[in-house]
Amino acid sequence: SLPHIQQLISKLNAEFALKQLGVLDYFLGIEVFHLANGALLLSQAKYIRDLLSKANMDTAHGMPTPMVSSLKLSKVGSVPVEDPTLFRSIVGALQYATLTRPEIAYSVN
């Protein structure tokens, strides 16, 4: 209820410096849409577009299934990544994207 929320905010404000920024619409790469029925819709579409740009994959095409589960990965014959730091950054960002896109969790991890 609204009084409980206001009481919680008052208690938090007594301990921490808080700012009221209005209705939440974007936070930590997650877009928040408030639906008419009171539900929230979370989307990372912008976050993922920015990630594709960072990985130079702006023109990549989507696939219905991210990865075949029977694929066997091997180090043999693979080329080391040019920028290991960038690679780790992109993998970490993909792991974060699994918050709203659980279907990519198997491929990412």
N, C-alpha and C. Protein backbone atom coordinates (compact mmCIF):
# COMPACT_ATOMS: atom_id res chain seq x y z
N SER A 1 0.84 -1.19 0.00
CA SER A 1 0.00 0.00 0.00
C SER A 1 0.88 1.24 0.00
N LEU A 2 0.33 2.33 -0.47
CA LEU A 2 1.08 3.58 -0.58
C LEU A 2 1.62 4.07 0.76
N PRO A 3 0.85 4.04 1.86
CA PRO A 3 1.41 4.48 3.15
C PRO A 3 2.62 3.65 3.59
N HIS A 4 2.59 2.34 3.33
CA HIS A 4 3.73 1.49 3.69
C HIS A 4 4.96 1.84 2.86
N ILE A 5 4.75 2.11 1.60
CA ILE A 5 5.86 2.49 0.72
C ILE A 5 6.46 3.81 1.19
N GLN A 6 5.61 4.78 1.51
CA GLN A 6 6.09 6.08 1.98
C GLN A 6 6.84 5.94 3.31
N GLN A 7 6.36 5.08 4.18
CA GLN A 7 7.03 4.84 5.46
C GLN A 7 8.42 4.22 5.23
N LEU A 8 8.50 3.26 4.32
CA LEU A 8 9.79 2.65 3.99
C LEU A 8 10.75 3.68 3.42
N ILE A 9 10.27 4.51 2.52
CA ILE A 9 11.12 5.55 1.92
C ILE A 9 11.61 6.51 2.99
N SER A 10 10.75 6.88 3.92
CA SER A 10 11.14 7.78 5.02
C SER A 10 12.25 7.16 5.87
N LYS A 11 12.10 5.88 6.19
CA LYS A 11 13.12 5.19 6.99
C LYS A 11 14.45 5.10 6.24
N LEU A 12 14.38 4.78 4.96
CA LEU A 12 15.61 4.72 4.15
C LEU A 12 16.26 6.09 4.05
N ASN A 13 15.43 7.13 3.89
CA ASN A 13 15.93 8.49 3.76
C ASN A 13 16.61 8.96 5.05
N ALA A 14 16.21 8.41 6.19
CA ALA A 14 16.85 8.76 7.46
C ALA A 14 18.27 8.21 7.53
N GLU A 15 18.53 7.12 6.82
CA GLU A 15 19.85 6.48 6.84
C GLU A 15 20.72 6.84 5.63
N PHE A 16 20.08 7.09 4.50
CA PHE A 16 20.81 7.33 3.26
C PHE A 16 20.28 8.58 2.58
N ALA A 17 21.14 9.21 1.77
CA ALA A 17 20.70 10.37 1.00
C ALA A 17 19.96 9.86 -0.24
N LEU A 18 18.65 10.03 -0.26
CA LEU A 18 17.82 9.55 -1.36
C LEU A 18 17.34 10.71 -2.22
N LYS A 19 17.09 10.41 -3.48
CA LYS A 19 16.48 11.37 -4.41
C LYS A 19 15.25 10.71 -5.00
N GLN A 20 14.16 11.41 -5.05
CA GLN A 20 12.97 10.91 -5.74
C GLN A 20 13.11 11.30 -7.21
N LEU A 21 13.22 10.32 -8.07
CA LEU A 21 13.41 10.56 -9.50
C LEU A 21 12.15 10.32 -10.30
N GLY A 22 11.04 10.11 -9.64
CA GLY A 22 9.79 9.87 -10.34
C GLY A 22 9.59 8.41 -10.66
N VAL A 23 8.72 8.17 -11.61
CA VAL A 23 8.37 6.80 -12.01
C VAL A 23 9.57 6.15 -12.69
N LEU A 24 9.87 4.94 -12.28
CA LEU A 24 11.00 4.20 -12.84
C LEU A 24 10.71 3.81 -14.29
N ASP A 25 11.63 4.16 -15.20
CA ASP A 25 11.47 3.74 -16.59
C ASP A 25 12.75 3.11 -17.16
N TYR A 26 13.90 3.31 -16.50
CA TYR A 26 15.15 2.71 -16.97
C TYR A 26 16.09 2.61 -15.78
N PHE A 27 16.67 1.43 -15.55
CA PHE A 27 17.57 1.25 -14.43
C PHE A 27 18.55 0.12 -14.75
N LEU A 28 19.83 0.43 -14.68
CA LEU A 28 20.89 -0.57 -14.89
C LEU A 28 20.71 -1.37 -16.18
N GLY A 29 20.38 -0.69 -17.26
CA GLY A 29 20.24 -1.35 -18.55
C GLY A 29 18.91 -2.04 -18.77
N ILE A 30 17.99 -1.90 -17.83
CA ILE A 30 16.68 -2.55 -17.95
C ILE A 30 15.61 -1.48 -18.12
N GLU A 31 14.89 -1.54 -19.25
CA GLU A 31 13.76 -0.64 -19.47
C GLU A 31 12.56 -1.21 -18.73
N VAL A 32 11.81 -0.32 -18.06
CA VAL A 32 10.65 -0.74 -17.29
C VAL A 32 9.42 -0.08 -17.89
N PHE A 33 8.48 -0.90 -18.33
CA PHE A 33 7.22 -0.41 -18.90
C PHE A 33 6.10 -0.73 -17.92
N HIS A 34 5.30 0.29 -17.59
CA HIS A 34 4.18 0.12 -16.67
C HIS A 34 2.92 -0.17 -17.50
N LEU A 35 2.37 -1.35 -17.34
CA LEU A 35 1.20 -1.76 -18.11
C LEU A 35 -0.09 -1.30 -17.43
N ALA A 36 -1.15 -1.22 -18.21
CA ALA A 36 -2.44 -0.72 -17.72
C ALA A 36 -2.99 -1.56 -16.57
N ASN A 37 -2.68 -2.85 -16.55
CA ASN A 37 -3.20 -3.72 -15.49
C ASN A 37 -2.36 -3.67 -14.21
N GLY A 38 -1.36 -2.78 -14.17
CA GLY A 38 -0.51 -2.63 -12.99
C GLY A 38 0.76 -3.45 -13.03
N ALA A 39 0.88 -4.32 -14.02
CA ALA A 39 2.08 -5.16 -14.15
C ALA A 39 3.24 -4.34 -14.72
N LEU A 40 4.42 -4.87 -14.55
CA LEU A 40 5.62 -4.26 -15.12
C LEU A 40 6.18 -5.18 -16.19
N LEU A 41 6.63 -4.59 -17.29
CA LEU A 41 7.29 -5.34 -18.35
C LEU A 41 8.75 -4.88 -18.36
N LEU A 42 9.67 -5.83 -18.22
CA LEU A 42 11.10 -5.52 -18.21
C LEU A 42 11.70 -5.90 -19.55
N SER A 43 12.54 -5.01 -20.10
CA SER A 43 13.15 -5.26 -21.39
C SER A 43 14.60 -4.76 -21.37
N GLN A 44 15.47 -5.50 -22.02
CA GLN A 44 16.85 -5.08 -22.17
C GLN A 44 17.18 -4.87 -23.66
N ALA A 45 16.19 -4.50 -24.46
CA ALA A 45 16.40 -4.34 -25.90
C ALA A 45 17.50 -3.32 -26.19
N LYS A 46 17.46 -2.15 -25.56
CA LYS A 46 18.48 -1.12 -25.78
C LYS A 46 19.84 -1.62 -25.31
N TYR A 47 19.87 -2.26 -24.15
CA TYR A 47 21.11 -2.81 -23.60
C TYR A 47 21.74 -3.80 -24.58
N ILE A 48 20.92 -4.67 -25.16
CA ILE A 48 21.41 -5.68 -26.09
C ILE A 48 21.87 -5.04 -27.40
N ARG A 49 21.13 -4.03 -27.89
CA ARG A 49 21.57 -3.31 -29.10
C ARG A 49 22.93 -2.66 -28.87
N ASP A 50 23.11 -2.03 -27.71
CA ASP A 50 24.40 -1.41 -27.38
C ASP A 50 25.50 -2.46 -27.27
N LEU A 51 25.18 -3.62 -26.72
CA LEU A 51 26.15 -4.71 -26.61
C LEU A 51 26.55 -5.23 -28.00
N LEU A 52 25.58 -5.38 -28.89
CA LEU A 52 25.89 -5.80 -30.26
C LEU A 52 26.82 -4.80 -30.94
N SER A 53 26.59 -3.53 -30.70
CA SER A 53 27.45 -2.49 -31.27
C SER A 53 28.86 -2.60 -30.70
N LYS A 54 28.97 -2.81 -29.40
CA LYS A 54 30.28 -2.94 -28.73
C LYS A 54 31.06 -4.13 -29.29
N ALA A 55 30.35 -5.20 -29.66
CA ALA A 55 30.97 -6.41 -30.18
C ALA A 55 31.12 -6.38 -31.70
N ASN A 56 30.83 -5.22 -32.31
CA ASN A 56 30.87 -5.08 -33.77
C ASN A 56 29.99 -6.10 -34.47
N MET A 57 28.80 -6.31 -33.91
CA MET A 57 27.84 -7.26 -34.48
C MET A 57 26.52 -6.57 -34.81
N ASP A 58 26.60 -5.29 -35.18
CA ASP A 58 25.39 -4.50 -35.47
C ASP A 58 24.52 -5.13 -36.55
N THR A 59 25.15 -5.80 -37.50
CA THR A 59 24.41 -6.35 -38.64
C THR A 59 24.08 -7.84 -38.46
N ALA A 60 24.31 -8.37 -37.27
CA ALA A 60 24.02 -9.79 -37.01
C ALA A 60 22.52 -10.05 -37.13
N HIS A 61 22.18 -11.25 -37.54
CA HIS A 61 20.78 -11.65 -37.69
C HIS A 61 20.40 -12.60 -36.56
N GLY A 62 19.20 -12.45 -36.06
CA GLY A 62 18.71 -13.30 -34.98
C GLY A 62 18.47 -14.72 -35.44
N MET A 63 18.50 -15.63 -34.49
CA MET A 63 18.25 -17.04 -34.75
C MET A 63 17.14 -17.51 -33.82
N PRO A 64 16.30 -18.46 -34.28
CA PRO A 64 15.22 -18.94 -33.42
C PRO A 64 15.72 -19.71 -32.19
N THR A 65 16.84 -20.41 -32.32
CA THR A 65 17.43 -21.14 -31.21
C THR A 65 18.87 -20.68 -31.08
N PRO A 66 19.27 -20.15 -29.93
CA PRO A 66 20.62 -19.60 -29.82
C PRO A 66 21.75 -20.59 -30.05
N MET A 67 21.59 -21.86 -29.64
CA MET A 67 22.70 -22.79 -29.76
C MET A 67 22.19 -24.23 -29.73
N VAL A 68 22.81 -25.06 -30.52
CA VAL A 68 22.48 -26.48 -30.51
C VAL A 68 23.09 -27.08 -29.24
N SER A 69 22.30 -27.79 -28.46
CA SER A 69 22.79 -28.33 -27.18
C SER A 69 23.77 -29.49 -27.36
N SER A 70 23.80 -30.10 -28.53
CA SER A 70 24.69 -31.24 -28.74
C SER A 70 26.06 -30.82 -29.27
N LEU A 71 26.30 -29.53 -29.46
CA LEU A 71 27.57 -29.04 -29.99
C LEU A 71 28.70 -29.31 -29.00
N LYS A 72 29.81 -29.86 -29.48
CA LYS A 72 30.98 -30.12 -28.64
C LYS A 72 32.03 -29.05 -28.94
N LEU A 73 32.36 -28.25 -27.94
CA LEU A 73 33.35 -27.19 -28.10
C LEU A 73 34.75 -27.75 -27.85
N SER A 74 35.75 -27.19 -28.57
CA SER A 74 37.11 -27.67 -28.43
C SER A 74 38.08 -26.51 -28.60
N LYS A 75 39.18 -26.53 -27.85
CA LYS A 75 40.24 -25.52 -28.01
C LYS A 75 41.06 -25.77 -29.27
N VAL A 76 41.12 -27.02 -29.71
CA VAL A 76 41.94 -27.41 -30.85
C VAL A 76 41.45 -26.68 -32.10
N GLY A 77 42.38 -25.99 -32.75
CA GLY A 77 42.06 -25.30 -33.99
C GLY A 77 41.38 -23.96 -33.80
N SER A 78 41.17 -23.53 -32.57
CA SER A 78 40.53 -22.23 -32.37
C SER A 78 41.59 -21.14 -32.29
N VAL A 79 41.19 -19.95 -32.66
CA VAL A 79 42.09 -18.79 -32.67
C VAL A 79 41.88 -18.01 -31.36
N PRO A 80 42.96 -17.62 -30.67
CA PRO A 80 42.79 -16.82 -29.45
C PRO A 80 42.11 -15.49 -29.77
N VAL A 81 41.34 -14.99 -28.83
CA VAL A 81 40.66 -13.71 -29.04
C VAL A 81 41.68 -12.59 -29.09
N GLU A 82 41.40 -11.57 -29.91
CA GLU A 82 42.34 -10.45 -30.07
C GLU A 82 42.44 -9.62 -28.80
N ASP A 83 41.31 -9.39 -28.14
CA ASP A 83 41.27 -8.54 -26.95
C ASP A 83 40.56 -9.31 -25.83
N PRO A 84 41.33 -10.02 -24.99
CA PRO A 84 40.71 -10.82 -23.93
C PRO A 84 39.85 -10.00 -22.97
N THR A 85 40.25 -8.76 -22.70
CA THR A 85 39.47 -7.92 -21.79
C THR A 85 38.11 -7.60 -22.39
N LEU A 86 38.08 -7.26 -23.67
CA LEU A 86 36.81 -6.99 -24.36
C LEU A 86 35.95 -8.25 -24.37
N PHE A 87 36.57 -9.39 -24.65
CA PHE A 87 35.84 -10.65 -24.67
C PHE A 87 35.17 -10.92 -23.32
N ARG A 88 35.93 -10.78 -22.23
CA ARG A 88 35.37 -11.00 -20.89
C ARG A 88 34.26 -10.01 -20.59
N SER A 89 34.43 -8.77 -21.02
CA SER A 89 33.40 -7.75 -20.81
C SER A 89 32.10 -8.13 -21.53
N ILE A 90 32.22 -8.60 -22.75
CA ILE A 90 31.04 -8.98 -23.53
C ILE A 90 30.36 -10.21 -22.92
N VAL A 91 31.15 -11.20 -22.49
CA VAL A 91 30.56 -12.39 -21.86
C VAL A 91 29.84 -12.00 -20.57
N GLY A 92 30.43 -11.13 -19.77
CA GLY A 92 29.78 -10.66 -18.55
C GLY A 92 28.49 -9.92 -18.86
N ALA A 93 28.51 -9.10 -19.90
CA ALA A 93 27.30 -8.37 -20.30
C ALA A 93 26.22 -9.34 -20.79
N LEU A 94 26.62 -10.38 -21.49
CA LEU A 94 25.66 -11.40 -21.93
C LEU A 94 25.06 -12.13 -20.73
N GLN A 95 25.88 -12.40 -19.72
CA GLN A 95 25.34 -13.04 -18.51
C GLN A 95 24.30 -12.14 -17.85
N TYR A 96 24.55 -10.84 -17.83
CA TYR A 96 23.58 -9.90 -17.26
C TYR A 96 22.30 -9.89 -18.10
N ALA A 97 22.44 -10.04 -19.41
CA ALA A 97 21.27 -10.03 -20.30
C ALA A 97 20.36 -11.23 -20.06
N THR A 98 20.88 -12.29 -19.45
CA THR A 98 20.03 -13.45 -19.17
C THR A 98 18.96 -13.16 -18.13
N LEU A 99 19.05 -12.01 -17.44
CA LEU A 99 18.00 -11.64 -16.47
C LEU A 99 16.64 -11.54 -17.14
N THR A 100 16.61 -10.97 -18.35
CA THR A 100 15.34 -10.83 -19.06
C THR A 100 15.27 -11.73 -20.28
N ARG A 101 16.34 -12.43 -20.59
CA ARG A 101 16.35 -13.34 -21.75
C ARG A 101 16.88 -14.71 -21.31
N PRO A 102 16.13 -15.44 -20.49
CA PRO A 102 16.64 -16.71 -19.96
C PRO A 102 16.93 -17.75 -21.04
N GLU A 103 16.35 -17.60 -22.22
CA GLU A 103 16.59 -18.59 -23.27
C GLU A 103 18.02 -18.57 -23.79
N ILE A 104 18.80 -17.52 -23.49
CA ILE A 104 20.20 -17.48 -23.93
C ILE A 104 21.16 -17.97 -22.85
N ALA A 105 20.65 -18.33 -21.68
CA ALA A 105 21.51 -18.72 -20.56
C ALA A 105 22.40 -19.91 -20.90
N TYR A 106 21.88 -20.92 -21.57
CA TYR A 106 22.69 -22.09 -21.91
C TYR A 106 23.85 -21.70 -22.82
N SER A 107 23.58 -20.89 -23.83
CA SER A 107 24.62 -20.49 -24.78
C SER A 107 25.67 -19.61 -24.12
N VAL A 108 25.24 -18.72 -23.26
CA VAL A 108 26.15 -17.77 -22.63
C VAL A 108 27.06 -18.47 -21.62
N ASN A 109 26.50 -19.39 -20.87
CA ASN A 109 27.29 -20.02 -19.81
C ASN A 109 27.98 -21.27 -20.28
